[in-house]
Amino acid sequence: MRQSYEHVSVGPMSDWKRFRFQLRDLPPAPKRFLKSELSLSSMELSVNCMPAGATMPFLHKHRRNEEVYLFLTGEGEFQAGDEILAITPGFCIRCSPETPRSFRNTGSVPMEFVVIQAEADSYSGAGLTTDGELVPVSPVWLLDFSL
């Protein structure tokens, strides 16, 4: 039976600085979008690396998509509307589509982070325990375990 999944390796975070995304006439950014590579149907996912001392040179917002930023390394500042928030490893923020946002790396090391965007108010409401279901077959590494 053919499984319905896609996978890709983005490599170690130390390699994320090599990614290149060009937006209009701005300098290329170390960003890799994964929607196409993973055949995503309900969200966009990107992995990013902002060099030490770098800044996003503009505020932006979206028409329909909310965004979640999960910062894994580095330190900086995140502007959400008029508020400035401290970025440290583990900082996670959701911005509604209309929230103007930008961020900068104020630290001495690259800031690696993941961004997920999906259409606001599109979640079906199925929760972790109501949408998931157990499959009555054990994982191959637990051959002696059955549900």
N, C-alpha and C. Protein backbone atom coordinates (compact mmCIF):
# COMPACT_ATOMS: atom_id res chain seq x y z
N MET A 1 0.85 -1.19 0.00
CA MET A 1 0.00 0.00 0.00
C MET A 1 0.89 1.25 0.00
N ARG A 2 0.65 2.15 -0.92
CA ARG A 2 1.43 3.40 -1.00
C ARG A 2 0.94 4.37 0.06
N GLN A 3 1.86 4.94 0.81
CA GLN A 3 1.53 5.90 1.86
C GLN A 3 1.39 7.29 1.26
N SER A 4 0.59 8.10 1.89
CA SER A 4 0.39 9.46 1.42
C SER A 4 1.14 10.42 2.34
N TYR A 5 2.39 10.64 2.03
CA TYR A 5 3.21 11.58 2.79
C TYR A 5 4.33 12.10 1.91
N GLU A 6 4.89 13.20 2.33
CA GLU A 6 6.04 13.79 1.66
C GLU A 6 7.07 14.08 2.75
N HIS A 7 8.32 14.06 2.40
CA HIS A 7 9.35 14.44 3.36
C HIS A 7 10.49 15.14 2.64
N VAL A 8 11.18 15.95 3.41
CA VAL A 8 12.31 16.69 2.88
C VAL A 8 13.25 16.94 4.05
N SER A 9 14.52 17.02 3.79
CA SER A 9 15.48 17.40 4.82
C SER A 9 15.94 18.82 4.55
N VAL A 10 15.83 19.66 5.55
CA VAL A 10 16.33 21.04 5.41
C VAL A 10 17.74 21.15 5.98
N GLY A 11 18.28 20.02 6.45
CA GLY A 11 19.63 19.99 6.98
C GLY A 11 19.72 20.62 8.35
N PRO A 12 20.91 20.63 8.92
CA PRO A 12 21.09 21.24 10.23
C PRO A 12 20.88 22.75 10.16
N MET A 13 20.45 23.33 11.26
CA MET A 13 20.18 24.77 11.28
C MET A 13 21.40 25.57 10.86
N SER A 14 22.59 25.06 11.14
CA SER A 14 23.80 25.80 10.76
C SER A 14 23.90 25.98 9.24
N ASP A 15 23.18 25.18 8.46
CA ASP A 15 23.19 25.30 7.00
C ASP A 15 22.07 26.20 6.47
N TRP A 16 21.13 26.59 7.33
CA TRP A 16 19.98 27.38 6.86
C TRP A 16 20.41 28.73 6.29
N LYS A 17 21.58 29.23 6.68
CA LYS A 17 22.05 30.53 6.18
C LYS A 17 22.30 30.50 4.67
N ARG A 18 22.39 29.32 4.09
CA ARG A 18 22.65 29.19 2.65
C ARG A 18 21.39 29.33 1.80
N PHE A 19 20.21 29.23 2.40
CA PHE A 19 18.96 29.35 1.64
C PHE A 19 18.83 30.75 1.08
N ARG A 20 18.17 30.89 -0.05
CA ARG A 20 18.00 32.20 -0.67
C ARG A 20 16.56 32.37 -1.16
N PHE A 21 15.95 33.46 -0.74
CA PHE A 21 14.63 33.85 -1.21
C PHE A 21 14.71 35.32 -1.60
N GLN A 22 14.26 35.63 -2.80
CA GLN A 22 14.33 37.00 -3.31
C GLN A 22 12.93 37.59 -3.34
N LEU A 23 12.73 38.72 -2.66
CA LEU A 23 11.47 39.44 -2.67
C LEU A 23 11.68 40.79 -3.34
N ARG A 24 11.06 40.95 -4.49
CA ARG A 24 11.15 42.19 -5.27
C ARG A 24 12.60 42.64 -5.42
N ASP A 25 12.90 43.89 -5.05
CA ASP A 25 14.26 44.40 -5.23
C ASP A 25 15.07 44.38 -3.93
N LEU A 26 14.57 43.66 -2.92
CA LEU A 26 15.30 43.56 -1.66
C LEU A 26 16.44 42.55 -1.77
N PRO A 27 17.45 42.65 -0.92
CA PRO A 27 18.52 41.65 -0.94
C PRO A 27 17.96 40.26 -0.64
N PRO A 28 18.55 39.21 -1.17
CA PRO A 28 18.08 37.85 -0.87
C PRO A 28 18.13 37.57 0.63
N ALA A 29 17.16 36.80 1.10
CA ALA A 29 17.09 36.44 2.51
C ALA A 29 17.30 34.94 2.67
N PRO A 30 17.95 34.52 3.77
CA PRO A 30 18.13 33.09 4.04
C PRO A 30 16.80 32.48 4.50
N LYS A 31 15.99 32.07 3.55
CA LYS A 31 14.64 31.57 3.81
C LYS A 31 14.34 30.47 2.80
N ARG A 32 13.68 29.41 3.27
CA ARG A 32 13.28 28.32 2.38
C ARG A 32 11.82 27.98 2.65
N PHE A 33 10.98 28.18 1.65
CA PHE A 33 9.57 27.80 1.73
C PHE A 33 9.43 26.31 1.42
N LEU A 34 8.54 25.63 2.15
CA LEU A 34 8.42 24.18 2.01
C LEU A 34 7.05 23.72 1.52
N LYS A 35 6.14 24.64 1.23
CA LYS A 35 4.78 24.25 0.82
C LYS A 35 4.80 23.31 -0.38
N SER A 36 5.51 23.68 -1.43
CA SER A 36 5.55 22.85 -2.63
C SER A 36 6.29 21.54 -2.40
N GLU A 37 7.43 21.64 -1.71
CA GLU A 37 8.24 20.44 -1.49
C GLU A 37 7.51 19.38 -0.67
N LEU A 38 6.63 19.82 0.23
CA LEU A 38 5.89 18.89 1.08
C LEU A 38 4.45 18.68 0.61
N SER A 39 4.09 19.30 -0.50
CA SER A 39 2.72 19.22 -1.03
C SER A 39 1.69 19.61 0.03
N LEU A 40 1.97 20.68 0.75
CA LEU A 40 1.05 21.14 1.80
C LEU A 40 -0.21 21.71 1.16
N SER A 41 -1.35 21.44 1.78
CA SER A 41 -2.62 21.89 1.21
C SER A 41 -3.33 22.92 2.07
N SER A 42 -2.84 23.17 3.29
CA SER A 42 -3.57 24.08 4.17
C SER A 42 -2.68 25.08 4.88
N MET A 43 -1.40 25.09 4.57
CA MET A 43 -0.50 26.02 5.25
C MET A 43 0.76 26.22 4.42
N GLU A 44 1.51 27.24 4.80
CA GLU A 44 2.86 27.45 4.27
C GLU A 44 3.80 27.30 5.44
N LEU A 45 4.96 26.76 5.20
CA LEU A 45 5.97 26.54 6.22
C LEU A 45 7.30 27.00 5.65
N SER A 46 8.06 27.75 6.46
CA SER A 46 9.39 28.15 6.00
C SER A 46 10.37 28.01 7.15
N VAL A 47 11.62 27.72 6.78
CA VAL A 47 12.72 27.73 7.74
C VAL A 47 13.60 28.91 7.35
N ASN A 48 14.13 29.59 8.36
CA ASN A 48 14.76 30.89 8.15
C ASN A 48 16.00 31.04 9.02
N CYS A 49 16.92 31.85 8.54
CA CYS A 49 18.11 32.19 9.31
C CYS A 49 18.42 33.67 9.09
N MET A 50 18.36 34.44 10.17
CA MET A 50 18.67 35.87 10.07
C MET A 50 20.07 36.09 10.66
N PRO A 51 21.00 36.60 9.87
CA PRO A 51 22.36 36.81 10.37
C PRO A 51 22.40 37.77 11.56
N ALA A 52 23.44 37.65 12.36
CA ALA A 52 23.64 38.56 13.50
C ALA A 52 23.60 40.00 13.00
N GLY A 53 22.86 40.84 13.72
CA GLY A 53 22.78 42.25 13.39
C GLY A 53 21.83 42.60 12.26
N ALA A 54 21.23 41.60 11.61
CA ALA A 54 20.33 41.87 10.47
C ALA A 54 18.94 42.26 10.95
N THR A 55 18.20 42.88 10.06
CA THR A 55 16.84 43.32 10.36
C THR A 55 15.94 43.09 9.16
N MET A 56 14.67 42.82 9.42
CA MET A 56 13.69 42.82 8.34
C MET A 56 13.40 44.30 8.06
N PRO A 57 13.66 44.78 6.86
CA PRO A 57 13.63 46.23 6.61
C PRO A 57 12.24 46.80 6.35
N PHE A 58 11.19 46.09 6.70
CA PHE A 58 9.84 46.58 6.46
C PHE A 58 8.87 45.92 7.43
N LEU A 59 7.75 46.58 7.66
CA LEU A 59 6.62 45.96 8.35
C LEU A 59 5.78 45.27 7.28
N HIS A 60 5.15 44.15 7.64
CA HIS A 60 4.24 43.52 6.69
C HIS A 60 3.05 42.94 7.43
N LYS A 61 2.00 42.67 6.71
CA LYS A 61 0.81 42.01 7.23
C LYS A 61 0.27 41.14 6.10
N HIS A 62 -0.80 40.44 6.36
CA HIS A 62 -1.38 39.56 5.34
C HIS A 62 -2.85 39.88 5.12
N ARG A 63 -3.36 39.45 4.00
CA ARG A 63 -4.79 39.64 3.71
C ARG A 63 -5.63 38.58 4.42
N ARG A 64 -5.17 37.32 4.36
CA ARG A 64 -5.99 36.21 4.89
C ARG A 64 -5.26 35.32 5.89
N ASN A 65 -3.95 35.30 5.86
CA ASN A 65 -3.21 34.31 6.65
C ASN A 65 -2.72 34.85 7.98
N GLU A 66 -2.90 34.03 9.02
CA GLU A 66 -2.24 34.31 10.29
C GLU A 66 -0.89 33.62 10.22
N GLU A 67 0.07 34.10 11.03
CA GLU A 67 1.41 33.51 11.04
C GLU A 67 1.81 33.16 12.46
N VAL A 68 2.54 32.06 12.58
CA VAL A 68 3.17 31.68 13.84
C VAL A 68 4.67 31.66 13.59
N TYR A 69 5.40 32.36 14.45
CA TYR A 69 6.86 32.38 14.41
C TYR A 69 7.36 31.62 15.63
N LEU A 70 8.27 30.69 15.42
CA LEU A 70 8.91 29.96 16.51
C LEU A 70 10.42 30.16 16.37
N PHE A 71 10.98 30.94 17.28
CA PHE A 71 12.41 31.25 17.24
C PHE A 71 13.18 30.18 18.01
N LEU A 72 14.18 29.60 17.36
CA LEU A 72 14.93 28.48 17.92
C LEU A 72 16.27 28.91 18.51
N THR A 73 16.90 29.88 17.89
CA THR A 73 18.20 30.37 18.35
C THR A 73 18.24 31.89 18.22
N GLY A 74 19.18 32.49 18.90
CA GLY A 74 19.41 33.92 18.75
C GLY A 74 18.57 34.79 19.67
N GLU A 75 18.83 36.08 19.56
CA GLU A 75 18.12 37.08 20.36
C GLU A 75 17.78 38.26 19.47
N GLY A 76 16.67 38.90 19.78
CA GLY A 76 16.29 40.05 18.98
C GLY A 76 15.04 40.71 19.51
N GLU A 77 14.41 41.45 18.63
CA GLU A 77 13.18 42.16 18.95
C GLU A 77 12.15 41.88 17.87
N PHE A 78 10.91 41.75 18.29
CA PHE A 78 9.79 41.50 17.39
C PHE A 78 8.80 42.64 17.57
N GLN A 79 8.48 43.33 16.49
CA GLN A 79 7.46 44.37 16.55
C GLN A 79 6.14 43.78 16.07
N ALA A 80 5.14 43.79 16.95
CA ALA A 80 3.78 43.36 16.63
C ALA A 80 2.88 44.56 16.87
N GLY A 81 2.42 45.19 15.80
CA GLY A 81 1.68 46.44 15.94
C GLY A 81 2.62 47.48 16.52
N ASP A 82 2.22 48.09 17.64
CA ASP A 82 3.05 49.11 18.29
C ASP A 82 3.92 48.53 19.41
N GLU A 83 3.80 47.24 19.67
CA GLU A 83 4.51 46.62 20.79
C GLU A 83 5.83 45.99 20.34
N ILE A 84 6.86 46.14 21.16
CA ILE A 84 8.16 45.53 20.91
C ILE A 84 8.35 44.42 21.94
N LEU A 85 8.58 43.21 21.45
CA LEU A 85 8.72 42.03 22.31
C LEU A 85 10.12 41.46 22.17
N ALA A 86 10.66 40.92 23.27
CA ALA A 86 12.00 40.32 23.24
C ALA A 86 11.95 38.93 22.63
N ILE A 87 12.84 38.68 21.69
CA ILE A 87 13.00 37.35 21.10
C ILE A 87 14.16 36.67 21.81
N THR A 88 13.91 35.49 22.33
CA THR A 88 14.93 34.60 22.88
C THR A 88 14.61 33.20 22.36
N PRO A 89 15.53 32.24 22.46
CA PRO A 89 15.23 30.89 22.00
C PRO A 89 13.96 30.36 22.68
N GLY A 90 13.04 29.86 21.87
CA GLY A 90 11.78 29.36 22.37
C GLY A 90 10.64 30.36 22.28
N PHE A 91 10.93 31.62 21.95
CA PHE A 91 9.88 32.62 21.80
C PHE A 91 8.98 32.23 20.64
N CYS A 92 7.68 32.24 20.88
CA CYS A 92 6.70 31.86 19.87
C CYS A 92 5.59 32.90 19.87
N ILE A 93 5.19 33.36 18.70
CA ILE A 93 4.14 34.37 18.61
C ILE A 93 3.24 34.08 17.41
N ARG A 94 1.95 34.32 17.59
CA ARG A 94 0.97 34.24 16.50
C ARG A 94 0.52 35.66 16.18
N CYS A 95 0.51 36.00 14.91
CA CYS A 95 0.03 37.31 14.47
C CYS A 95 -1.19 37.10 13.58
N SER A 96 -2.26 37.81 13.90
CA SER A 96 -3.44 37.78 13.04
C SER A 96 -3.10 38.45 11.72
N PRO A 97 -3.86 38.22 10.66
CA PRO A 97 -3.50 38.76 9.35
C PRO A 97 -3.25 40.26 9.36
N GLU A 98 -4.06 41.01 10.10
CA GLU A 98 -3.98 42.48 10.04
C GLU A 98 -2.89 43.08 10.92
N THR A 99 -2.18 42.27 11.70
CA THR A 99 -1.15 42.79 12.59
C THR A 99 0.13 43.13 11.82
N PRO A 100 0.53 44.40 11.78
CA PRO A 100 1.82 44.74 11.17
C PRO A 100 2.94 44.12 12.00
N ARG A 101 3.93 43.53 11.34
CA ARG A 101 5.00 42.83 12.06
C ARG A 101 6.34 42.98 11.37
N SER A 102 7.37 42.92 12.19
CA SER A 102 8.74 42.92 11.72
C SER A 102 9.62 42.43 12.87
N PHE A 103 10.86 42.14 12.61
CA PHE A 103 11.76 41.68 13.67
C PHE A 103 13.20 41.93 13.25
N ARG A 104 14.07 41.87 14.25
CA ARG A 104 15.49 42.06 13.98
C ARG A 104 16.31 41.20 14.92
N ASN A 105 17.51 40.89 14.48
CA ASN A 105 18.45 40.10 15.27
C ASN A 105 19.40 41.10 15.96
N THR A 106 19.29 41.20 17.28
CA THR A 106 20.16 42.11 18.02
C THR A 106 21.33 41.37 18.65
N GLY A 107 21.41 40.07 18.43
CA GLY A 107 22.45 39.26 19.05
C GLY A 107 23.70 39.13 18.19
N SER A 108 24.60 38.29 18.66
CA SER A 108 25.89 38.09 17.98
C SER A 108 25.94 36.77 17.21
N VAL A 109 24.85 36.02 17.20
CA VAL A 109 24.78 34.75 16.47
C VAL A 109 23.56 34.77 15.55
N PRO A 110 23.55 33.93 14.53
CA PRO A 110 22.38 33.86 13.65
C PRO A 110 21.12 33.49 14.45
N MET A 111 19.99 33.99 13.98
CA MET A 111 18.70 33.70 14.59
C MET A 111 17.95 32.75 13.64
N GLU A 112 17.81 31.50 14.06
CA GLU A 112 17.10 30.52 13.25
C GLU A 112 15.67 30.40 13.77
N PHE A 113 14.72 30.31 12.83
CA PHE A 113 13.32 30.27 13.22
C PHE A 113 12.48 29.61 12.14
N VAL A 114 11.29 29.18 12.55
CA VAL A 114 10.32 28.55 11.67
C VAL A 114 9.10 29.45 11.62
N VAL A 115 8.52 29.60 10.43
CA VAL A 115 7.28 30.37 10.27
C VAL A 115 6.24 29.46 9.62
N ILE A 116 5.06 29.44 10.24
CA ILE A 116 3.93 28.69 9.70
C ILE A 116 2.83 29.71 9.43
N GLN A 117 2.26 29.66 8.24
CA GLN A 117 1.12 30.52 7.97
C GLN A 117 -0.01 29.70 7.39
N ALA A 118 -1.22 30.03 7.85
CA ALA A 118 -2.43 29.35 7.40
C ALA A 118 -3.56 30.35 7.40
N GLU A 119 -4.58 30.06 6.62
CA GLU A 119 -5.71 30.98 6.54
C GLU A 119 -6.37 31.12 7.91
N ALA A 120 -6.55 32.35 8.34
CA ALA A 120 -7.17 32.63 9.64
C ALA A 120 -8.60 32.09 9.67
N ASP A 121 -9.00 31.62 10.82
CA ASP A 121 -10.37 31.12 11.06
C ASP A 121 -10.76 29.95 10.17
N SER A 122 -9.78 29.18 9.70
CA SER A 122 -10.09 28.04 8.83
C SER A 122 -10.02 26.70 9.55
N TYR A 123 -9.57 26.71 10.80
CA TYR A 123 -9.42 25.46 11.55
C TYR A 123 -10.79 24.83 11.77
N SER A 124 -10.91 23.55 11.55
CA SER A 124 -12.21 22.88 11.61
C SER A 124 -12.72 22.66 13.02
N GLY A 125 -11.87 22.85 14.01
CA GLY A 125 -12.30 22.64 15.39
C GLY A 125 -12.02 21.24 15.89
N ALA A 126 -11.60 20.35 15.03
CA ALA A 126 -11.25 19.00 15.48
C ALA A 126 -9.98 19.09 16.32
N GLY A 127 -10.08 18.64 17.54
CA GLY A 127 -8.94 18.73 18.44
C GLY A 127 -8.04 17.52 18.36
N LEU A 128 -6.95 17.58 19.10
CA LEU A 128 -5.97 16.50 19.11
C LEU A 128 -6.61 15.16 19.43
N THR A 129 -7.46 15.12 20.43
CA THR A 129 -8.03 13.83 20.84
C THR A 129 -9.27 13.44 20.04
N THR A 130 -9.93 14.39 19.38
CA THR A 130 -11.11 14.03 18.61
C THR A 130 -10.79 13.76 17.14
N ASP A 131 -9.75 14.33 16.61
CA ASP A 131 -9.39 14.11 15.22
C ASP A 131 -8.50 12.88 15.05
N GLY A 132 -7.65 12.62 16.03
CA GLY A 132 -6.72 11.49 15.93
C GLY A 132 -7.41 10.17 16.25
N GLU A 133 -6.90 9.10 15.69
CA GLU A 133 -7.40 7.78 16.02
C GLU A 133 -6.25 6.79 16.02
N LEU A 134 -6.30 5.85 16.94
CA LEU A 134 -5.26 4.84 17.05
C LEU A 134 -5.42 3.83 15.93
N VAL A 135 -4.30 3.39 15.39
CA VAL A 135 -4.27 2.35 14.38
C VAL A 135 -3.92 1.05 15.10
N PRO A 136 -4.69 -0.01 14.90
CA PRO A 136 -4.49 -1.24 15.69
C PRO A 136 -3.30 -2.09 15.25
N VAL A 137 -2.21 -1.44 14.84
CA VAL A 137 -0.98 -2.13 14.47
C VAL A 137 0.15 -1.44 15.20
N SER A 138 1.08 -2.20 15.72
CA SER A 138 2.21 -1.63 16.46
C SER A 138 3.24 -1.04 15.52
N PRO A 139 3.95 0.00 15.97
CA PRO A 139 5.10 0.46 15.20
C PRO A 139 6.12 -0.67 15.08
N VAL A 140 6.88 -0.69 14.02
CA VAL A 140 7.81 -1.80 13.79
C VAL A 140 8.82 -1.94 14.92
N TRP A 141 9.14 -0.88 15.64
CA TRP A 141 10.12 -0.97 16.72
C TRP A 141 9.50 -1.47 18.03
N LEU A 142 8.19 -1.68 18.05
CA LEU A 142 7.52 -2.24 19.23
C LEU A 142 6.77 -3.50 18.85
N LEU A 143 7.46 -4.46 18.30
CA LEU A 143 6.85 -5.65 17.75
C LEU A 143 6.01 -6.43 18.78
N ASP A 144 6.37 -6.34 20.05
CA ASP A 144 5.64 -7.13 21.05
C ASP A 144 4.53 -6.34 21.73
N PHE A 145 4.22 -5.14 21.25
CA PHE A 145 3.20 -4.28 21.85
C PHE A 145 1.98 -4.25 20.95
N SER A 146 0.80 -4.40 21.50
CA SER A 146 -0.42 -4.26 20.71
C SER A 146 -1.44 -3.48 21.51
N LEU A 147 -2.30 -2.79 20.84
CA LEU A 147 -3.31 -1.96 21.50
C LEU A 147 -4.57 -2.73 21.80
